[in-house]
Amino acid sequence: MSKKLLILHPCHFEQLMGGAELQIKYLIRFAKARNWEVHYIYVDFMHGERIVNADGIRLHPLAKRFGDFYFNYYFDIKNLLESIGPDVIYTRSNNAMIYFASQYARKNRKRHIYAVPSDRDVGKKYYFSRCPFRQLESLLLRRGVRTADGYLLQNSFQHSVLNRFNPNNILVKQMTPQCECSYHEKSPAVKVLWVGNLKPIKQPELFLELAVRMAGTPRPYELLMVGRENSVYRGLIDDAARANPAFRFLGELPQDEVCRQMASSHVLINTSTLEGFPNTFVQAWMRKMVVLSVNANPSNVVTDNGLGFMAPTVDALRDRLVYLLERPDELERIGTRAWEYAMDNHSLEKNMPRAFAFITGESCGDPHAAPDTAAGAHNE
């Protein structure tokens, strides 16, 4: 009889594909290849219109309730958990779902692994809010995190915060499939990409400001922006397009097309305020791209390994980008180093077996026994 893996996550990756959803998709395919029965509980905020279930898993959509508070789904999720009877529950969000998973796992001696989605979610505090609903959501989230059977971490900062609650944790570097990318596939003009959801935490306005300030730069280049359109930024996008003919907004693209764009591009720009370990970094490095980042440098991986540059302001971004435009040999040298680093450290083929063994407890014994110091050691 197949063991059961349950993904408990706010959305299905066929509805909205972000970094967390992409890693979940990789995990599901790995589990199915090993004959695990995979279930997925999610909130059907698009009424199923985009769910074709291409991966053939068992879906359990929750009808969207009023508000954005996940404690509203307590009885729905409780009943589904009891009906499904999962052996392992995997969560990767920052809401009360974490508590529901931990509660079920402890009661039934099953395993719940919390994969930390980003640095912003480590020790997130809603309980100072005057809103009682946010206080309750935060309380359930904190209790769920503290009683999870283990943590799947992305960087050393997350380990420093969460290790005091449970030393049964493992650092697994962000994963992407191996890619044999040739630098000769790059476009003749230097292509610069920004990829992400257009929302405040990603600070897309910085890239749009960069596009305006790059106008008139004599070297051949393109500035391409990829992401789901948000009306809040429509005016800034139009301003950038008018100011700089080299700028184009491509809108939302499927993952395969994003990877094709990266294969022909040279530079990835990240303007987020805070990240765990951006999926786009490893996807870009696997395609010989240089990373320019405003804030994100998890475990100092960008600077310590020479995979790109930190540029904390728009002026710094522009200066560094102009520097690279004038030095194509430098672009190729760093891009090749980035590819070698990604192949050695971030390939799905090398990292997923280790992550899956931890998630399922295949080498961890009883999930509710005292943590094994060796198993719980911090690995980087």
Protein backbone atom coordinates (compact mmCIF):
# COMPACT_ATOMS: atom_id res chain seq x y z
CA MET A 1 0.00 0.00 0.00
CA SER A 2 1.39 3.38 -1.05
CA LYS A 3 2.28 5.93 1.55
CA LYS A 4 0.47 9.26 1.40
CA LEU A 5 2.07 12.68 1.04
CA LEU A 6 -0.21 15.66 1.59
CA ILE A 7 0.62 19.15 0.34
CA LEU A 8 -1.25 21.73 2.43
CA HIS A 9 -0.79 25.08 0.69
CA PRO A 10 -2.93 28.17 0.01
CA CYS A 11 -2.95 27.76 -3.78
CA HIS A 12 -2.33 25.20 -6.49
CA PHE A 13 0.62 25.85 -8.81
CA GLU A 14 -1.64 25.67 -11.88
CA GLN A 15 -3.49 28.70 -10.50
CA LEU A 16 -0.50 30.76 -9.42
CA MET A 17 3.14 29.85 -10.00
CA GLY A 18 5.58 31.44 -7.60
CA GLY A 19 8.82 30.15 -6.15
CA ALA A 20 7.12 28.08 -3.43
CA GLU A 21 4.71 26.54 -5.91
CA LEU A 22 7.53 25.61 -8.29
CA GLN A 23 9.41 23.78 -5.54
CA ILE A 24 6.18 22.00 -4.57
CA LYS A 25 5.74 20.88 -8.17
CA TYR A 26 9.25 19.40 -8.19
CA LEU A 27 8.52 17.58 -4.92
CA ILE A 28 5.25 16.13 -6.20
CA ARG A 29 6.84 14.72 -9.33
CA PHE A 30 9.66 13.17 -7.32
CA ALA A 31 7.19 11.58 -4.86
CA LYS A 32 4.97 10.17 -7.61
CA ALA A 33 7.98 8.64 -9.33
CA ARG A 34 8.55 6.73 -6.07
CA ASN A 35 4.95 5.52 -5.89
CA TRP A 36 3.79 7.84 -3.15
CA GLU A 37 0.11 8.75 -3.24
CA VAL A 38 0.01 12.56 -3.40
CA HIS A 39 -2.87 14.72 -2.13
CA TYR A 40 -3.12 18.51 -2.37
CA ILE A 41 -5.38 20.74 -0.23
CA TYR A 42 -5.61 24.32 -1.48
CA VAL A 43 -8.02 27.25 -1.64
CA ASP A 44 -9.83 27.34 -4.98
CA PHE A 45 -9.81 31.11 -5.38
CA MET A 46 -10.20 30.81 -9.17
CA HIS A 47 -13.05 28.27 -9.04
CA GLY A 48 -11.02 25.56 -10.74
CA GLU A 49 -10.89 27.31 -14.09
CA ARG A 50 -7.11 26.83 -14.44
CA ILE A 51 -6.74 23.43 -12.83
CA VAL A 52 -6.25 20.66 -15.37
CA ASN A 53 -4.25 18.52 -12.90
CA ALA A 54 -1.52 17.69 -15.40
CA ASP A 55 0.41 15.80 -12.71
CA GLY A 56 -2.50 13.50 -11.90
CA ILE A 57 -2.61 14.04 -8.13
CA ARG A 58 -5.60 13.91 -5.79
CA LEU A 59 -6.97 17.42 -5.43
CA HIS A 60 -9.01 18.72 -2.49
CA PRO A 61 -10.04 22.32 -3.27
CA LEU A 62 -11.51 24.47 -0.50
CA ALA A 63 -14.29 26.89 -1.37
CA LYS A 64 -13.02 30.45 -0.96
CA ARG A 65 -14.26 32.04 2.26
CA PHE A 66 -14.59 35.69 3.16
CA GLY A 67 -11.34 37.40 4.11
CA ASP A 68 -7.71 36.32 3.93
CA PHE A 69 -7.53 34.48 7.25
CA TYR A 70 -6.88 30.75 7.05
CA PHE A 71 -8.27 29.88 10.48
CA ASN A 72 -11.61 30.12 8.64
CA TYR A 73 -10.83 26.74 7.04
CA TYR A 74 -10.16 24.87 10.27
CA PHE A 75 -13.08 22.43 10.14
CA ASP A 76 -12.78 21.87 6.38
CA ILE A 77 -9.08 21.02 6.67
CA LYS A 78 -9.57 18.95 9.85
CA ASN A 79 -12.21 16.80 8.13
CA LEU A 80 -10.07 16.37 5.02
CA LEU A 81 -7.02 15.36 7.05
CA GLU A 82 -9.01 12.73 8.90
CA SER A 83 -10.48 11.46 5.62
CA ILE A 84 -7.15 11.33 3.73
CA GLY A 85 -5.02 9.99 6.59
CA PRO A 86 -1.64 11.25 5.30
CA ASP A 87 1.65 9.79 6.47
CA VAL A 88 3.50 13.04 5.80
CA ILE A 89 2.24 16.64 5.57
CA TYR A 90 4.30 19.29 3.80
CA THR A 91 3.58 23.00 4.27
CA ARG A 92 5.29 26.02 2.73
CA SER A 93 3.29 29.11 3.67
CA ASN A 94 2.90 31.61 6.53
CA ASN A 95 -0.60 31.14 7.93
CA ALA A 96 -2.75 29.07 10.24
CA MET A 97 -2.55 26.03 7.93
CA ILE A 98 0.78 25.29 9.63
CA TYR A 99 -1.00 24.81 12.96
CA PHE A 100 -3.63 22.48 11.47
CA ALA A 101 -0.86 20.31 10.02
CA SER A 102 1.13 20.17 13.28
CA GLN A 103 -1.98 19.46 15.34
CA TYR A 104 -3.00 16.52 13.15
CA ALA A 105 0.53 15.11 12.97
CA ARG A 106 1.07 15.18 16.74
CA LYS A 107 -2.32 13.65 17.47
CA ASN A 108 -1.87 10.83 14.95
CA ARG A 109 1.91 10.30 15.25
CA LYS A 110 2.47 11.35 11.66
CA ARG A 111 5.06 13.71 10.23
CA HIS A 112 4.72 17.43 9.43
CA ILE A 113 7.60 19.27 7.76
CA TYR A 114 7.50 23.04 7.45
CA ALA A 115 9.48 24.38 4.48
CA VAL A 116 10.22 28.02 5.31
CA PRO A 117 9.08 30.13 2.34
CA SER A 118 11.19 33.26 2.89
CA ASP A 119 13.17 35.24 5.47
CA ARG A 120 10.18 37.55 5.86
CA ASP A 121 8.18 34.63 7.27
CA VAL A 122 10.68 33.68 9.98
CA GLY A 123 9.22 34.89 13.25
CA LYS A 124 6.50 36.84 11.44
CA LYS A 125 4.39 38.73 13.98
CA TYR A 126 0.77 39.67 13.41
CA TYR A 127 -0.04 39.60 17.10
CA PHE A 128 0.82 43.27 17.62
CA SER A 129 -1.99 44.20 15.25
CA ARG A 130 -5.13 45.72 16.67
CA CYS A 131 -7.10 43.36 14.44
CA PRO A 132 -8.16 40.32 16.54
CA PHE A 133 -8.32 38.15 13.41
CA ARG A 134 -4.67 38.89 12.62
CA GLN A 135 -3.77 38.16 16.25
CA LEU A 136 -5.46 34.76 16.03
CA GLU A 137 -3.87 33.96 12.66
CA SER A 138 -0.44 34.84 14.03
CA LEU A 139 -0.95 32.82 17.22
CA LEU A 140 -1.88 29.69 15.24
CA LEU A 141 1.01 30.21 12.83
CA ARG A 142 3.57 30.51 15.66
CA ARG A 143 2.23 27.45 17.48
CA GLY A 144 2.22 25.46 14.27
CA VAL A 145 5.81 26.37 13.43
CA ARG A 146 7.07 25.58 16.93
CA THR A 147 5.40 22.15 16.98
CA ALA A 148 6.35 21.03 13.45
CA ASP A 149 8.45 17.86 13.30
CA GLY A 150 11.19 19.55 11.33
CA TYR A 151 12.11 22.50 9.15
CA LEU A 152 13.32 22.58 5.58
CA LEU A 153 15.47 25.72 5.44
CA GLN A 154 16.89 27.82 2.61
CA ASN A 155 19.71 29.75 4.29
CA SER A 156 21.74 30.24 7.46
CA PHE A 157 19.59 33.13 8.73
CA GLN A 158 16.52 30.89 8.89
CA HIS A 159 18.54 28.30 10.78
CA SER A 160 19.71 30.86 13.34
CA VAL A 161 16.10 31.82 14.12
CA LEU A 162 14.33 28.45 14.06
CA ASN A 163 16.95 26.08 15.42
CA ARG A 164 16.06 27.07 19.01
CA PHE A 165 12.53 25.70 18.50
CA ASN A 166 13.53 22.41 16.89
CA PRO A 167 17.08 21.31 15.97
CA ASN A 168 15.60 18.71 13.61
CA ASN A 169 16.14 20.82 10.52
CA ILE A 170 18.07 20.66 7.30
CA LEU A 171 19.32 23.28 4.89
CA VAL A 172 18.68 22.26 1.29
CA LYS A 173 19.72 24.68 -1.39
CA GLN A 174 17.07 25.90 -3.78
CA MET A 175 16.69 23.46 -6.67
CA THR A 176 16.29 23.59 -10.43
CA PRO A 177 16.70 20.95 -13.14
CA GLN A 178 20.15 20.71 -14.68
CA CYS A 179 20.56 22.66 -17.91
CA GLU A 180 23.31 22.33 -20.52
CA CYS A 181 23.32 25.96 -21.59
CA SER A 182 25.67 27.34 -24.25
CA TYR A 183 26.77 30.94 -24.03
CA HIS A 184 26.47 31.10 -27.83
CA GLU A 185 22.66 30.97 -27.43
CA LYS A 186 22.70 34.46 -25.94
CA SER A 187 21.25 37.33 -27.95
CA PRO A 188 23.71 39.71 -29.71
CA ALA A 189 22.48 42.62 -27.57
CA VAL A 190 22.83 42.22 -23.80
CA LYS A 191 19.45 41.12 -22.42
CA VAL A 192 18.56 42.14 -18.88
CA LEU A 193 15.62 40.40 -17.15
CA TRP A 194 13.42 41.20 -14.17
CA VAL A 195 11.14 38.29 -13.18
CA GLY A 196 8.55 38.26 -10.40
CA ASN A 197 5.04 39.09 -9.28
CA LEU A 198 4.38 42.82 -9.44
CA LYS A 199 3.77 43.50 -5.75
CA PRO A 200 5.32 45.83 -3.15
CA ILE A 201 7.72 43.30 -1.61
CA LYS A 202 9.32 42.78 -5.05
CA GLN A 203 9.77 46.54 -5.59
CA PRO A 204 9.21 46.48 -9.37
CA GLU A 205 9.22 50.28 -9.35
CA LEU A 206 13.02 50.18 -8.93
CA PHE A 207 13.48 48.27 -12.17
CA LEU A 208 11.09 50.63 -13.94
CA GLU A 209 13.06 53.59 -12.64
CA LEU A 210 16.24 51.91 -13.85
CA ALA A 211 14.71 51.59 -17.32
CA VAL A 212 14.08 55.34 -17.40
CA ARG A 213 17.61 56.16 -16.21
CA MET A 214 19.17 53.82 -18.78
CA ALA A 215 17.61 55.75 -21.67
CA GLY A 216 20.26 56.96 -24.08
CA THR A 217 22.91 54.44 -23.07
CA PRO A 218 24.82 53.86 -26.33
CA ARG A 219 25.60 50.15 -25.91
CA PRO A 220 23.06 47.69 -27.42
CA TYR A 221 20.88 46.14 -24.73
CA GLU A 222 17.29 45.14 -23.86
CA LEU A 223 15.44 45.51 -20.57
CA LEU A 224 12.67 42.92 -20.23
CA MET A 225 10.16 42.70 -17.39
CA VAL A 226 8.24 39.47 -16.75
CA GLY A 227 5.35 39.18 -14.31
CA ARG A 228 1.62 39.16 -13.83
CA GLU A 229 0.26 42.62 -14.61
CA ASN A 230 -0.84 44.75 -11.69
CA SER A 231 -2.83 47.92 -12.39
CA VAL A 232 -0.97 49.70 -9.58
CA TYR A 233 2.18 49.71 -11.73
CA ARG A 234 0.54 50.29 -15.12
CA GLY A 235 1.44 53.99 -15.21
CA LEU A 236 5.09 53.34 -14.32
CA ILE A 237 5.31 50.63 -16.99
CA ASP A 238 3.94 53.01 -19.62
CA ASP A 239 6.35 55.74 -18.50
CA ALA A 240 9.33 53.39 -18.80
CA ALA A 241 8.26 52.24 -22.27
CA ARG A 242 7.91 55.83 -23.47
CA ALA A 243 11.24 56.91 -21.98
CA ASN A 244 13.31 53.94 -23.18
CA PRO A 245 12.66 51.99 -26.43
CA ALA A 246 14.91 49.21 -25.10
CA PHE A 247 12.37 48.41 -22.36
CA ARG A 248 9.55 45.89 -22.87
CA PHE A 249 6.95 44.51 -20.47
CA LEU A 250 6.25 40.88 -21.42
CA GLY A 251 3.54 40.20 -18.83
CA GLU A 252 3.04 36.82 -17.19
CA LEU A 253 4.79 33.90 -18.93
CA PRO A 254 4.69 30.15 -18.27
CA GLN A 255 7.77 28.67 -16.60
CA ASP A 256 9.05 27.09 -19.80
CA GLU A 257 8.98 30.45 -21.55
CA VAL A 258 10.67 32.19 -18.61
CA CYS A 259 13.49 29.65 -18.86
CA ARG A 260 13.76 30.22 -22.62
CA GLN A 261 14.06 33.95 -22.01
CA MET A 262 16.80 33.29 -19.46
CA ALA A 263 18.71 31.05 -21.87
CA SER A 264 19.13 34.00 -24.25
CA SER A 265 19.67 36.62 -21.52
CA HIS A 266 22.80 37.85 -19.76
CA VAL A 267 21.75 39.61 -16.53
CA LEU A 268 19.02 39.01 -13.93
CA ILE A 269 18.03 41.92 -11.71
CA ASN A 270 16.37 41.30 -8.34
CA THR A 271 14.86 44.26 -6.46
CA SER A 272 13.00 42.42 -3.67
CA THR A 273 13.10 43.77 -0.14
CA LEU A 274 13.56 40.29 1.37
CA GLU A 275 13.83 36.74 0.05
CA GLY A 276 14.62 33.27 1.32
CA PHE A 277 16.54 31.97 -1.67
CA PRO A 278 15.05 33.19 -4.97
CA ASN A 279 14.21 30.46 -7.47
CA THR A 280 15.10 32.92 -10.19
CA PHE A 281 18.70 33.05 -8.96
CA VAL A 282 19.33 29.34 -9.50
CA GLN A 283 17.36 29.29 -12.75
CA ALA A 284 19.46 32.21 -14.02
CA TRP A 285 22.80 30.74 -12.89
CA MET A 286 21.91 27.45 -14.56
CA ARG A 287 21.63 29.51 -17.78
CA LYS A 288 24.88 31.44 -17.36
CA MET A 289 23.39 34.73 -16.20
CA VAL A 290 24.93 37.33 -13.89
CA VAL A 291 22.79 38.42 -10.92
CA LEU A 292 22.46 42.06 -9.85
CA SER A 293 20.61 42.25 -6.53
CA VAL A 294 19.41 45.17 -4.44
CA ASN A 295 18.93 43.23 -1.19
CA ALA A 296 18.84 39.45 -1.63
CA ASN A 297 22.14 37.68 -0.92
CA PRO A 298 21.19 34.56 1.05
CA SER A 299 24.11 33.20 3.07
CA ASN A 300 26.24 35.68 1.05
CA VAL A 301 26.07 33.26 -1.87
CA VAL A 302 26.17 35.96 -4.56
CA THR A 303 29.21 37.82 -3.28
CA ASP A 304 31.20 34.95 -1.76
CA ASN A 305 31.07 32.93 -4.99
CA GLY A 306 31.42 35.77 -7.48
CA LEU A 307 28.04 35.07 -9.13
CA GLY A 308 27.03 38.69 -9.50
CA PHE A 309 26.98 41.98 -7.63
CA MET A 310 25.04 43.75 -4.90
CA ALA A 311 23.68 47.14 -5.95
CA PRO A 312 21.55 48.66 -3.15
CA THR A 313 20.24 51.68 -5.10
CA VAL A 314 18.98 52.44 -8.58
CA ASP A 315 22.11 54.50 -9.22
CA ALA A 316 24.26 51.54 -8.20
CA LEU A 317 22.23 49.23 -10.45
CA ARG A 318 22.73 51.55 -13.39
CA ASP A 319 26.46 51.95 -12.78
CA ARG A 320 27.02 48.20 -12.46
CA LEU A 321 24.89 47.44 -15.52
CA VAL A 322 26.76 49.99 -17.66
CA TYR A 323 30.02 48.44 -16.39
CA LEU A 324 28.87 45.00 -17.61
CA LEU A 325 27.59 46.33 -20.94
CA GLU A 326 31.09 47.60 -21.65
CA ARG A 327 32.72 44.27 -20.71
CA PRO A 328 31.20 41.33 -22.60
CA ASP A 329 34.12 39.10 -21.61
CA GLU A 330 33.30 39.74 -17.94
CA LEU A 331 29.67 38.79 -18.56
CA GLU A 332 30.71 35.49 -20.10
CA ARG A 333 33.29 34.75 -17.42
CA ILE A 334 30.88 35.32 -14.52
CA GLY A 335 28.07 33.55 -16.37
CA THR A 336 30.20 30.44 -16.87
CA ARG A 337 31.23 30.48 -13.21
CA ALA A 338 27.56 30.81 -12.21
CA TRP A 339 26.62 27.78 -14.31
CA GLU A 340 29.37 25.68 -12.77
CA TYR A 341 28.28 26.73 -9.29
CA ALA A 342 24.61 25.94 -10.02
CA MET A 343 25.44 22.51 -11.43
CA ASP A 344 27.52 21.67 -8.35
CA ASN A 345 25.17 23.08 -5.71
CA HIS A 346 21.61 23.65 -6.92
CA SER A 347 20.64 20.90 -9.32
CA LEU A 348 17.34 19.17 -8.66
CA GLU A 349 18.97 15.85 -9.39
CA LYS A 350 21.49 16.25 -6.54
CA ASN A 351 19.33 17.95 -3.92
CA MET A 352 15.85 16.46 -4.15
CA PRO A 353 16.77 12.92 -2.94
CA ARG A 354 18.25 14.42 0.25
CA ALA A 355 15.30 16.76 0.77
CA PHE A 356 12.78 13.98 0.15
CA ALA A 357 14.48 11.66 2.64
CA PHE A 358 14.19 14.37 5.30
CA ILE A 359 10.59 15.30 4.43
CA THR A 360 9.38 11.71 4.56
CA GLY A 361 11.53 10.71 7.53
CA GLU A 362 13.09 7.81 5.67
CA SER A 363 16.29 8.29 7.68
CA CYS A 364 14.89 10.11 10.71
CA GLY A 365 13.15 7.39 12.71
CA ASP A 366 10.07 8.21 14.80
CA PRO A 367 8.93 11.76 13.96
CA HIS A 368 7.91 12.38 17.56
CA ALA A 369 10.96 10.88 19.22
CA ALA A 370 13.67 13.15 20.62
CA PRO A 371 15.54 14.85 17.76
CA ASP A 372 18.66 13.10 16.56
CA THR A 373 21.53 15.54 16.90
CA ALA A 374 23.21 14.21 13.77
CA ALA A 375 20.03 14.26 11.72
CA GLY A 376 19.21 17.71 12.95
CA ALA A 377 22.62 19.21 12.30
CA HIS A 378 22.75 22.33 10.20
CA ASN A 379 23.98 21.53 6.70
CA GLU A 380 24.92 24.13 4.14
